[in-house]
Amino acid sequence: MASLKFCTDCSNMLYPREDRVHRRLLFACRNCDHEEVADNCCVYRHEVGHIPSEQTMVVKDLASDPTLPSTNITCPKCRYGKAVYFQSQSRHPDTRMNLYYVCRNLECQHRWQS
């Protein structure tokens, strides 16, 4: 499971950086000179580049995406007790912030919004 790493010197978030000379993955602070070698060479990135209500409901593997936060909300369809969620990325001024949920039950994967 993916996790966030934080700088031991200044408590800012560490970002992945490639060390091409030694061919390894590092986590580096953008505020100070702190770096640490990554214990896992996987970097996850999830970008929703469209309005969720239009196209996100087509994506099949949102329930197993390690970059999305998880919550203990109950699925209205299968009553499973866990879901992942993300918020609307719409920049339209008339659009209110919506949370979109996806059931973590791989047999259900029901999608709904708040």
N, C-alpha and C. Protein backbone atom coordinates (compact mmCIF):
# COMPACT_ATOMS: atom_id res chain seq x y z
N MET A 1 0.85 -1.18 0.00
CA MET A 1 0.00 0.00 0.00
C MET A 1 0.89 1.24 0.00
N ALA A 2 0.53 2.22 -0.76
CA ALA A 2 1.29 3.45 -0.86
C ALA A 2 1.13 4.28 0.40
N SER A 3 2.17 5.01 0.77
CA SER A 3 2.10 5.89 1.92
C SER A 3 2.89 7.15 1.65
N LEU A 4 2.58 8.19 2.39
CA LEU A 4 3.30 9.45 2.26
C LEU A 4 4.50 9.43 3.19
N LYS A 5 5.57 10.06 2.76
CA LYS A 5 6.77 10.16 3.58
C LYS A 5 7.01 11.64 3.87
N PHE A 6 7.55 11.90 5.06
CA PHE A 6 7.79 13.28 5.47
C PHE A 6 9.23 13.46 5.91
N CYS A 7 9.75 14.66 5.70
CA CYS A 7 11.12 15.01 6.02
C CYS A 7 11.33 14.98 7.54
N THR A 8 12.44 14.36 7.97
CA THR A 8 12.75 14.31 9.39
C THR A 8 13.32 15.63 9.90
N ASP A 9 13.76 16.49 8.98
CA ASP A 9 14.34 17.78 9.37
C ASP A 9 13.30 18.89 9.48
N CYS A 10 12.43 19.01 8.45
CA CYS A 10 11.50 20.15 8.41
C CYS A 10 10.03 19.73 8.33
N SER A 11 9.73 18.44 8.31
CA SER A 11 8.37 17.88 8.31
C SER A 11 7.57 18.15 7.04
N ASN A 12 8.20 18.57 5.98
CA ASN A 12 7.52 18.72 4.70
C ASN A 12 7.44 17.37 4.00
N MET A 13 6.54 17.26 3.04
CA MET A 13 6.36 16.00 2.32
C MET A 13 7.57 15.71 1.43
N LEU A 14 7.96 14.44 1.36
CA LEU A 14 9.05 14.01 0.48
C LEU A 14 8.47 13.57 -0.86
N TYR A 15 9.17 13.91 -1.93
CA TYR A 15 8.72 13.59 -3.28
C TYR A 15 9.72 12.63 -3.94
N PRO A 16 9.23 11.74 -4.80
CA PRO A 16 10.14 10.81 -5.46
C PRO A 16 11.08 11.54 -6.41
N ARG A 17 12.33 11.08 -6.45
CA ARG A 17 13.34 11.64 -7.34
C ARG A 17 14.26 10.52 -7.78
N GLU A 18 14.62 10.54 -9.04
CA GLU A 18 15.48 9.50 -9.61
C GLU A 18 16.95 9.89 -9.45
N ASP A 19 17.74 8.96 -8.96
CA ASP A 19 19.20 9.13 -8.92
C ASP A 19 19.76 8.31 -10.07
N ARG A 20 20.00 8.98 -11.20
CA ARG A 20 20.43 8.28 -12.42
C ARG A 20 21.84 7.72 -12.32
N VAL A 21 22.70 8.36 -11.54
CA VAL A 21 24.08 7.90 -11.40
C VAL A 21 24.12 6.53 -10.72
N HIS A 22 23.38 6.38 -9.62
CA HIS A 22 23.39 5.13 -8.87
C HIS A 22 22.19 4.23 -9.20
N ARG A 23 21.36 4.68 -10.13
CA ARG A 23 20.19 3.92 -10.59
C ARG A 23 19.31 3.47 -9.42
N ARG A 24 18.80 4.45 -8.68
CA ARG A 24 17.93 4.15 -7.54
C ARG A 24 16.89 5.25 -7.38
N LEU A 25 15.87 4.94 -6.63
CA LEU A 25 14.80 5.89 -6.35
C LEU A 25 15.02 6.50 -4.98
N LEU A 26 14.92 7.82 -4.92
CA LEU A 26 15.08 8.55 -3.67
C LEU A 26 13.79 9.28 -3.35
N PHE A 27 13.61 9.60 -2.08
CA PHE A 27 12.58 10.55 -1.67
C PHE A 27 13.32 11.77 -1.17
N ALA A 28 13.01 12.94 -1.76
CA ALA A 28 13.73 14.16 -1.45
C ALA A 28 12.78 15.26 -1.00
N CYS A 29 13.26 16.07 -0.08
CA CYS A 29 12.51 17.21 0.41
C CYS A 29 12.73 18.38 -0.55
N ARG A 30 11.67 19.12 -0.84
CA ARG A 30 11.80 20.28 -1.72
C ARG A 30 12.13 21.55 -0.94
N ASN A 31 12.16 21.44 0.38
CA ASN A 31 12.42 22.59 1.22
C ASN A 31 13.86 22.62 1.75
N CYS A 32 14.42 21.45 2.04
CA CYS A 32 15.79 21.38 2.53
C CYS A 32 16.55 20.31 1.73
N ASP A 33 17.72 19.91 2.18
CA ASP A 33 18.55 18.95 1.44
C ASP A 33 18.34 17.50 1.85
N HIS A 34 17.34 17.22 2.64
CA HIS A 34 17.13 15.85 3.14
C HIS A 34 16.71 14.92 1.99
N GLU A 35 17.34 13.74 1.94
CA GLU A 35 17.02 12.68 0.98
C GLU A 35 17.09 11.35 1.69
N GLU A 36 16.29 10.40 1.23
CA GLU A 36 16.40 9.03 1.74
C GLU A 36 16.10 8.06 0.60
N VAL A 37 16.75 6.92 0.65
CA VAL A 37 16.58 5.89 -0.37
C VAL A 37 15.22 5.22 -0.16
N ALA A 38 14.49 5.04 -1.25
CA ALA A 38 13.16 4.42 -1.18
C ALA A 38 13.31 2.93 -0.92
N ASP A 39 12.44 2.39 -0.05
CA ASP A 39 12.47 0.96 0.23
C ASP A 39 11.62 0.19 -0.77
N ASN A 40 10.79 0.89 -1.54
CA ASN A 40 9.95 0.28 -2.57
C ASN A 40 10.11 1.12 -3.83
N CYS A 41 10.38 0.51 -4.95
CA CYS A 41 10.64 1.26 -6.18
C CYS A 41 9.40 1.57 -7.00
N CYS A 42 8.22 1.42 -6.43
CA CYS A 42 6.98 1.74 -7.13
C CYS A 42 6.55 3.16 -6.79
N VAL A 43 6.22 3.92 -7.80
CA VAL A 43 5.67 5.26 -7.62
C VAL A 43 4.29 5.27 -8.23
N TYR A 44 3.27 5.59 -7.43
CA TYR A 44 1.90 5.61 -7.90
C TYR A 44 1.50 7.05 -8.17
N ARG A 45 0.78 7.25 -9.27
CA ARG A 45 0.28 8.58 -9.60
C ARG A 45 -1.10 8.40 -10.20
N HIS A 46 -2.05 9.13 -9.66
CA HIS A 46 -3.42 9.04 -10.14
C HIS A 46 -3.90 10.46 -10.44
N GLU A 47 -4.19 10.73 -11.68
CA GLU A 47 -4.69 12.04 -12.08
C GLU A 47 -6.05 11.88 -12.73
N VAL A 48 -7.02 12.62 -12.23
CA VAL A 48 -8.33 12.66 -12.85
C VAL A 48 -8.35 13.95 -13.66
N GLY A 49 -8.23 13.82 -14.97
CA GLY A 49 -8.11 14.97 -15.85
C GLY A 49 -9.40 15.35 -16.55
N HIS A 50 -10.54 14.95 -15.99
CA HIS A 50 -11.82 15.25 -16.61
C HIS A 50 -12.84 15.44 -15.51
N ILE A 51 -14.01 15.85 -15.85
CA ILE A 51 -15.07 16.03 -14.87
C ILE A 51 -15.58 14.65 -14.46
N PRO A 52 -15.50 14.29 -13.17
CA PRO A 52 -15.84 12.93 -12.75
C PRO A 52 -17.24 12.48 -13.14
N SER A 53 -18.22 13.34 -13.10
CA SER A 53 -19.57 12.91 -13.40
C SER A 53 -19.72 12.47 -14.86
N GLU A 54 -18.80 12.90 -15.72
CA GLU A 54 -18.89 12.54 -17.13
C GLU A 54 -18.21 11.22 -17.46
N GLN A 55 -16.97 11.02 -16.97
CA GLN A 55 -16.19 9.88 -17.47
C GLN A 55 -15.66 8.95 -16.39
N THR A 56 -15.53 9.36 -15.14
CA THR A 56 -14.88 8.52 -14.13
C THR A 56 -15.64 7.24 -13.87
N MET A 57 -16.93 7.26 -14.04
CA MET A 57 -17.71 6.07 -13.74
C MET A 57 -17.38 4.91 -14.69
N VAL A 58 -16.58 5.15 -15.71
CA VAL A 58 -16.19 4.12 -16.67
C VAL A 58 -14.95 3.37 -16.18
N VAL A 59 -14.10 3.98 -15.35
CA VAL A 59 -12.87 3.38 -14.88
C VAL A 59 -13.19 2.17 -14.02
N LYS A 60 -12.58 1.03 -14.33
CA LYS A 60 -12.92 -0.23 -13.68
C LYS A 60 -12.18 -0.47 -12.37
N ASP A 61 -10.94 0.00 -12.23
CA ASP A 61 -10.11 -0.40 -11.09
C ASP A 61 -9.94 0.68 -10.03
N LEU A 62 -10.87 1.59 -9.88
CA LEU A 62 -10.77 2.62 -8.86
C LEU A 62 -10.76 2.03 -7.46
N ALA A 63 -11.48 0.95 -7.23
CA ALA A 63 -11.58 0.36 -5.89
C ALA A 63 -10.23 -0.15 -5.38
N SER A 64 -9.33 -0.53 -6.25
CA SER A 64 -8.04 -1.05 -5.83
C SER A 64 -6.89 -0.07 -6.04
N ASP A 65 -7.20 1.19 -6.36
CA ASP A 65 -6.18 2.20 -6.59
C ASP A 65 -5.55 2.62 -5.25
N PRO A 66 -4.24 2.38 -5.05
CA PRO A 66 -3.62 2.70 -3.76
C PRO A 66 -3.42 4.19 -3.53
N THR A 67 -3.60 5.02 -4.54
CA THR A 67 -3.41 6.46 -4.37
C THR A 67 -4.66 7.16 -3.87
N LEU A 68 -5.81 6.49 -3.90
CA LEU A 68 -7.05 7.10 -3.43
C LEU A 68 -7.24 6.83 -1.94
N PRO A 69 -7.74 7.82 -1.19
CA PRO A 69 -8.00 7.59 0.23
C PRO A 69 -9.18 6.65 0.42
N SER A 70 -9.16 5.95 1.55
CA SER A 70 -10.20 4.98 1.86
C SER A 70 -10.98 5.43 3.08
N THR A 71 -12.25 5.03 3.17
CA THR A 71 -13.10 5.39 4.30
C THR A 71 -13.98 4.21 4.68
N ASN A 72 -14.55 4.27 5.87
CA ASN A 72 -15.40 3.19 6.37
C ASN A 72 -16.87 3.47 6.13
N ILE A 73 -17.21 4.04 5.00
CA ILE A 73 -18.60 4.31 4.64
C ILE A 73 -19.22 3.04 4.06
N THR A 74 -20.51 2.82 4.31
CA THR A 74 -21.19 1.61 3.84
C THR A 74 -21.74 1.81 2.43
N CYS A 75 -21.49 0.83 1.58
CA CYS A 75 -21.99 0.85 0.20
C CYS A 75 -23.52 0.72 0.22
N PRO A 76 -24.24 1.59 -0.47
CA PRO A 76 -25.70 1.50 -0.48
C PRO A 76 -26.22 0.29 -1.27
N LYS A 77 -25.37 -0.32 -2.09
CA LYS A 77 -25.82 -1.44 -2.92
C LYS A 77 -25.59 -2.79 -2.23
N CYS A 78 -24.34 -3.06 -1.77
CA CYS A 78 -24.02 -4.38 -1.22
C CYS A 78 -23.79 -4.36 0.29
N ARG A 79 -23.80 -3.19 0.92
CA ARG A 79 -23.62 -3.01 2.36
C ARG A 79 -22.20 -3.31 2.83
N TYR A 80 -21.22 -3.36 1.91
CA TYR A 80 -19.81 -3.55 2.27
C TYR A 80 -19.36 -2.29 3.01
N GLY A 81 -18.51 -2.41 4.00
CA GLY A 81 -18.18 -1.31 4.89
C GLY A 81 -16.98 -0.47 4.52
N LYS A 82 -16.46 -0.56 3.31
CA LYS A 82 -15.30 0.25 2.93
C LYS A 82 -15.47 0.77 1.51
N ALA A 83 -14.93 1.97 1.28
CA ALA A 83 -14.98 2.58 -0.06
C ALA A 83 -13.79 3.51 -0.22
N VAL A 84 -13.40 3.76 -1.46
CA VAL A 84 -12.42 4.81 -1.76
C VAL A 84 -13.20 6.02 -2.22
N TYR A 85 -12.57 7.19 -2.14
CA TYR A 85 -13.28 8.40 -2.54
C TYR A 85 -12.32 9.41 -3.14
N PHE A 86 -12.88 10.33 -3.91
CA PHE A 86 -12.14 11.45 -4.48
C PHE A 86 -13.13 12.57 -4.69
N GLN A 87 -12.62 13.78 -4.85
CA GLN A 87 -13.53 14.91 -5.02
C GLN A 87 -13.52 15.40 -6.45
N SER A 88 -14.57 16.09 -6.80
CA SER A 88 -14.72 16.64 -8.14
C SER A 88 -13.58 17.61 -8.44
N GLN A 89 -13.00 17.50 -9.62
CA GLN A 89 -11.93 18.39 -10.04
C GLN A 89 -12.44 19.49 -10.96
N SER A 90 -13.74 19.65 -11.03
CA SER A 90 -14.34 20.63 -11.93
C SER A 90 -13.94 22.04 -11.51
N ARG A 91 -13.56 22.86 -12.47
CA ARG A 91 -13.19 24.25 -12.22
C ARG A 91 -14.33 25.21 -12.55
N HIS A 92 -15.46 24.65 -12.92
CA HIS A 92 -16.60 25.49 -13.29
C HIS A 92 -17.13 26.18 -12.03
N PRO A 93 -17.36 27.50 -12.07
CA PRO A 93 -17.77 28.23 -10.87
C PRO A 93 -19.13 27.83 -10.32
N ASP A 94 -20.02 27.28 -11.14
CA ASP A 94 -21.35 26.89 -10.67
C ASP A 94 -21.38 25.49 -10.08
N THR A 95 -20.27 24.77 -10.14
CA THR A 95 -20.22 23.40 -9.66
C THR A 95 -19.81 23.37 -8.20
N ARG A 96 -20.60 22.71 -7.36
CA ARG A 96 -20.22 22.56 -5.96
C ARG A 96 -19.28 21.37 -5.81
N MET A 97 -18.56 21.32 -4.69
CA MET A 97 -17.63 20.22 -4.47
C MET A 97 -18.43 18.94 -4.20
N ASN A 98 -18.18 17.91 -4.96
CA ASN A 98 -18.82 16.61 -4.77
C ASN A 98 -17.77 15.58 -4.40
N LEU A 99 -18.11 14.68 -3.49
CA LEU A 99 -17.27 13.53 -3.21
C LEU A 99 -17.84 12.35 -3.96
N TYR A 100 -16.99 11.63 -4.65
CA TYR A 100 -17.37 10.44 -5.39
C TYR A 100 -16.80 9.23 -4.66
N TYR A 101 -17.63 8.22 -4.43
CA TYR A 101 -17.25 7.01 -3.71
C TYR A 101 -17.30 5.81 -4.64
N VAL A 102 -16.41 4.83 -4.38
CA VAL A 102 -16.41 3.56 -5.10
C VAL A 102 -16.26 2.46 -4.06
N CYS A 103 -17.19 1.51 -4.07
CA CYS A 103 -17.17 0.38 -3.13
C CYS A 103 -15.89 -0.43 -3.32
N ARG A 104 -15.23 -0.79 -2.20
CA ARG A 104 -13.99 -1.55 -2.28
C ARG A 104 -14.23 -3.05 -2.47
N ASN A 105 -15.49 -3.48 -2.40
CA ASN A 105 -15.82 -4.88 -2.68
C ASN A 105 -15.61 -5.10 -4.19
N LEU A 106 -14.61 -5.91 -4.55
CA LEU A 106 -14.26 -6.09 -5.96
C LEU A 106 -15.37 -6.74 -6.78
N GLU A 107 -16.31 -7.40 -6.13
CA GLU A 107 -17.44 -7.99 -6.86
C GLU A 107 -18.55 -6.97 -7.08
N CYS A 108 -18.56 -5.87 -6.33
CA CYS A 108 -19.60 -4.86 -6.43
C CYS A 108 -19.11 -3.63 -7.20
N GLN A 109 -18.13 -2.92 -6.66
CA GLN A 109 -17.56 -1.69 -7.22
C GLN A 109 -18.62 -0.66 -7.60
N HIS A 110 -19.66 -0.59 -6.79
CA HIS A 110 -20.72 0.41 -7.02
C HIS A 110 -20.15 1.80 -6.85
N ARG A 111 -20.61 2.75 -7.69
CA ARG A 111 -20.15 4.14 -7.64
C ARG A 111 -21.31 5.04 -7.28
N TRP A 112 -21.06 5.98 -6.36
CA TRP A 112 -22.09 6.95 -5.98
C TRP A 112 -21.42 8.23 -5.53
N GLN A 113 -22.20 9.27 -5.37
CA GLN A 113 -21.65 10.56 -4.94
C GLN A 113 -22.41 11.09 -3.74
N SER A 114 -21.75 12.00 -3.00
CA SER A 114 -22.38 12.57 -1.81
C SER A 114 -23.32 13.69 -2.19
